[in-house]
Amino acid sequence: MINLVCEDALVFSESTLWMKRLIILINGVMQSLEL
């Protein structure tokens, strides 16, 4: 049970990192389109 929770936390942290990278990329594209 604890192992599953730890694995879920690791996957969640990795997915949030990718989401942050995607948001940064999208923000950069939107800014370049505005310019």
PDB file of N, CA and C in Angstrom:
ATOM      1  N   MET A   1       0.832  -1.196   0.000  1.00  0.00           N
ATOM      2  CA  MET A   1       0.000   0.000   0.000  1.00  0.00           C
ATOM      3  C   MET A   1       0.872   1.254   0.000  1.00  0.00           C
ATOM      4  N   ILE A   2       1.843   1.301   0.897  1.00  0.00           N
ATOM      5  CA  ILE A   2       2.737   2.465   0.970  1.00  0.00           C
ATOM      6  C   ILE A   2       3.558   2.571  -0.307  1.00  0.00           C
ATOM      7  N   ASN A   3       4.005   1.409  -0.824  1.00  0.00           N
ATOM      8  CA  ASN A   3       4.810   1.435  -2.049  1.00  0.00           C
ATOM      9  C   ASN A   3       4.007   2.020  -3.205  1.00  0.00           C
ATOM     10  N   LEU A   4       2.741   1.661  -3.301  1.00  0.00           N
ATOM     11  CA  LEU A   4       1.905   2.186  -4.376  1.00  0.00           C
ATOM     12  C   LEU A   4       1.772   3.695  -4.253  1.00  0.00           C
ATOM     13  N   VAL A   5       1.593   4.170  -3.034  1.00  0.00           N
ATOM     14  CA  VAL A   5       1.450   5.615  -2.823  1.00  0.00           C
ATOM     15  C   VAL A   5       2.731   6.328  -3.230  1.00  0.00           C
ATOM     16  N   CYS A   6       3.879   5.764  -2.874  1.00  0.00           N
ATOM     17  CA  CYS A   6       5.159   6.386  -3.230  1.00  0.00           C
ATOM     18  C   CYS A   6       5.326   6.425  -4.744  1.00  0.00           C
ATOM     19  N   GLU A   7       4.970   5.336  -5.415  1.00  0.00           N
ATOM     20  CA  GLU A   7       5.094   5.305  -6.875  1.00  0.00           C
ATOM     21  C   GLU A   7       4.162   6.333  -7.509  1.00  0.00           C
ATOM     22  N   ASP A   8       2.947   6.444  -6.984  1.00  0.00           N
ATOM     23  CA  ASP A   8       2.003   7.425  -7.517  1.00  0.00           C
ATOM     24  C   ASP A   8       2.552   8.833  -7.317  1.00  0.00           C
ATOM     25  N   ALA A   9       3.184   9.082  -6.179  1.00  0.00           N
ATOM     26  CA  ALA A   9       3.743  10.415  -5.903  1.00  0.00           C
ATOM     27  C   ALA A   9       4.862  10.728  -6.890  1.00  0.00           C
ATOM     28  N   LEU A  10       5.696   9.720  -7.182  1.00  0.00           N
ATOM     29  CA  LEU A  10       6.788   9.938  -8.134  1.00  0.00           C
ATOM     30  C   LEU A  10       6.230  10.242  -9.524  1.00  0.00           C
ATOM     31  N   VAL A  11       5.259   9.474  -9.952  1.00  0.00           N
ATOM     32  CA  VAL A  11       4.657   9.698 -11.274  1.00  0.00           C
ATOM     33  C   VAL A  11       3.996  11.064 -11.310  1.00  0.00           C
ATOM     34  N   PHE A  12       3.332  11.439 -10.206  1.00  0.00           N
ATOM     35  CA  PHE A  12       2.650  12.731 -10.161  1.00  0.00           C
ATOM     36  C   PHE A  12       3.652  13.876 -10.253  1.00  0.00           C
ATOM     37  N   SER A  13       4.759  13.769  -9.524  1.00  0.00           N
ATOM     38  CA  SER A  13       5.776  14.836  -9.548  1.00  0.00           C
ATOM     39  C   SER A  13       6.396  14.939 -10.941  1.00  0.00           C
ATOM     40  N   GLU A  14       6.621  13.798 -11.585  1.00  0.00           N
ATOM     41  CA  GLU A  14       7.196  13.829 -12.939  1.00  0.00           C
ATOM     42  C   GLU A  14       6.213  14.455 -13.922  1.00  0.00           C
ATOM     43  N   SER A  15       4.933  14.122 -13.786  1.00  0.00           N
ATOM     44  CA  SER A  15       3.931  14.673 -14.709  1.00  0.00           C
ATOM     45  C   SER A  15       3.781  16.175 -14.489  1.00  0.00           C
ATOM     46  N   THR A  16       3.883  16.633 -13.237  1.00  0.00           N
ATOM     47  CA  THR A  16       3.755  18.072 -12.979  1.00  0.00           C
ATOM     48  C   THR A  16       4.950  18.804 -13.577  1.00  0.00           C
ATOM     49  N   LEU A  17       6.140  18.170 -13.544  1.00  0.00           N
ATOM     50  CA  LEU A  17       7.319  18.796 -14.154  1.00  0.00           C
ATOM     51  C   LEU A  17       7.090  18.961 -15.654  1.00  0.00           C
ATOM     52  N   TRP A  18       6.559  17.916 -16.289  1.00  0.00           N
ATOM     53  CA  TRP A  18       6.297  18.005 -17.734  1.00  0.00           C
ATOM     54  C   TRP A  18       5.228  19.046 -18.014  1.00  0.00           C
ATOM     55  N   MET A  19       4.210  19.150 -17.144  1.00  0.00           N
ATOM     56  CA  MET A  19       3.156  20.143 -17.337  1.00  0.00           C
ATOM     57  C   MET A  19       3.739  21.545 -17.253  1.00  0.00           C
ATOM     58  N   LYS A  20       4.656  21.759 -16.292  1.00  0.00           N
ATOM     59  CA  LYS A  20       5.286  23.078 -16.161  1.00  0.00           C
ATOM     60  C   LYS A  20       6.086  23.401 -17.418  1.00  0.00           C
ATOM     61  N   ARG A  21       6.801  22.406 -17.955  1.00  0.00           N
ATOM     62  CA  ARG A  21       7.576  22.636 -19.178  1.00  0.00           C
ATOM     63  C   ARG A  21       6.650  22.959 -20.342  1.00  0.00           C
ATOM     64  N   LEU A  22       5.519  22.236 -20.430  1.00  0.00           N
ATOM     65  CA  LEU A  22       4.568  22.492 -21.513  1.00  0.00           C
ATOM     66  C   LEU A  22       3.998  23.896 -21.394  1.00  0.00           C
ATOM     67  N   ILE A  23       3.652  24.306 -20.170  1.00  0.00           N
ATOM     68  CA  ILE A  23       3.081  25.647 -19.964  1.00  0.00           C
ATOM     69  C   ILE A  23       4.097  26.705 -20.366  1.00  0.00           C
ATOM     70  N   ILE A  24       5.374  26.494 -20.003  1.00  0.00           N
ATOM     71  CA  ILE A  24       6.413  27.463 -20.365  1.00  0.00           C
ATOM     72  C   ILE A  24       6.547  27.538 -21.881  1.00  0.00           C
ATOM     73  N   LEU A  25       6.508  26.380 -22.547  1.00  0.00           N
ATOM     74  CA  LEU A  25       6.607  26.361 -24.018  1.00  0.00           C
ATOM     75  C   LEU A  25       5.422  27.082 -24.639  1.00  0.00           C
ATOM     76  N   ILE A  26       4.212  26.793 -24.133  1.00  0.00           N
ATOM     77  CA  ILE A  26       3.003  27.423 -24.690  1.00  0.00           C
ATOM     78  C   ILE A  26       3.066  28.930 -24.476  1.00  0.00           C
ATOM     79  N   ASN A  27       3.509  29.368 -23.299  1.00  0.00           N
ATOM     80  CA  ASN A  27       3.615  30.810 -23.024  1.00  0.00           C
ATOM     81  C   ASN A  27       4.594  31.453 -24.006  1.00  0.00           C
ATOM     82  N   GLY A  28       5.720  30.791 -24.265  1.00  0.00           N
ATOM     83  CA  GLY A  28       6.707  31.329 -25.190  1.00  0.00           C
ATOM     84  C   GLY A  28       6.141  31.437 -26.597  1.00  0.00           C
ATOM     85  N   VAL A  29       5.390  30.432 -27.025  1.00  0.00           N
ATOM     86  CA  VAL A  29       4.792  30.464 -28.368  1.00  0.00           C
ATOM     87  C   VAL A  29       3.763  31.585 -28.460  1.00  0.00           C
ATOM     88  N   MET A  30       2.941  31.733 -27.434  1.00  0.00           N
ATOM     89  CA  MET A  30       1.921  32.784 -27.434  1.00  0.00           C
ATOM     90  C   MET A  30       2.569  34.159 -27.487  1.00  0.00           C
ATOM     91  N   GLN A  31       3.650  34.354 -26.739  1.00  0.00           N
ATOM     92  CA  GLN A  31       4.338  35.647 -26.741  1.00  0.00           C
ATOM     93  C   GLN A  31       4.943  35.920 -28.121  1.00  0.00           C
ATOM     94  N   SER A  32       5.534  34.905 -28.751  1.00  0.00           N
ATOM     95  CA  SER A  32       6.146  35.102 -30.073  1.00  0.00           C
ATOM     96  C   SER A  32       5.062  35.414 -31.106  1.00  0.00           C
ATOM     97  N   LEU A  33       3.874  34.820 -30.935  1.00  0.00           N
ATOM     98  CA  LEU A  33       2.787  35.113 -31.877  1.00  0.00           C
ATOM     99  C   LEU A  33       2.296  36.545 -31.691  1.00  0.00           C
ATOM    100  N   GLU A  34       2.265  37.019 -30.447  1.00  0.00           N
ATOM    101  CA  GLU A  34       1.822  38.392 -30.189  1.00  0.00           C
ATOM    102  C   GLU A  34       2.814  39.385 -30.774  1.00  0.00           C
ATOM    103  N   LEU A  35       4.125  39.039 -30.725  1.00  0.00           N
ATOM    104  CA  LEU A  35       5.140  39.939 -31.293  1.00  0.00           C
ATOM    105  C   LEU A  35       5.170  39.762 -32.806  1.00  0.00           C
TER     106      LEU A  35
END
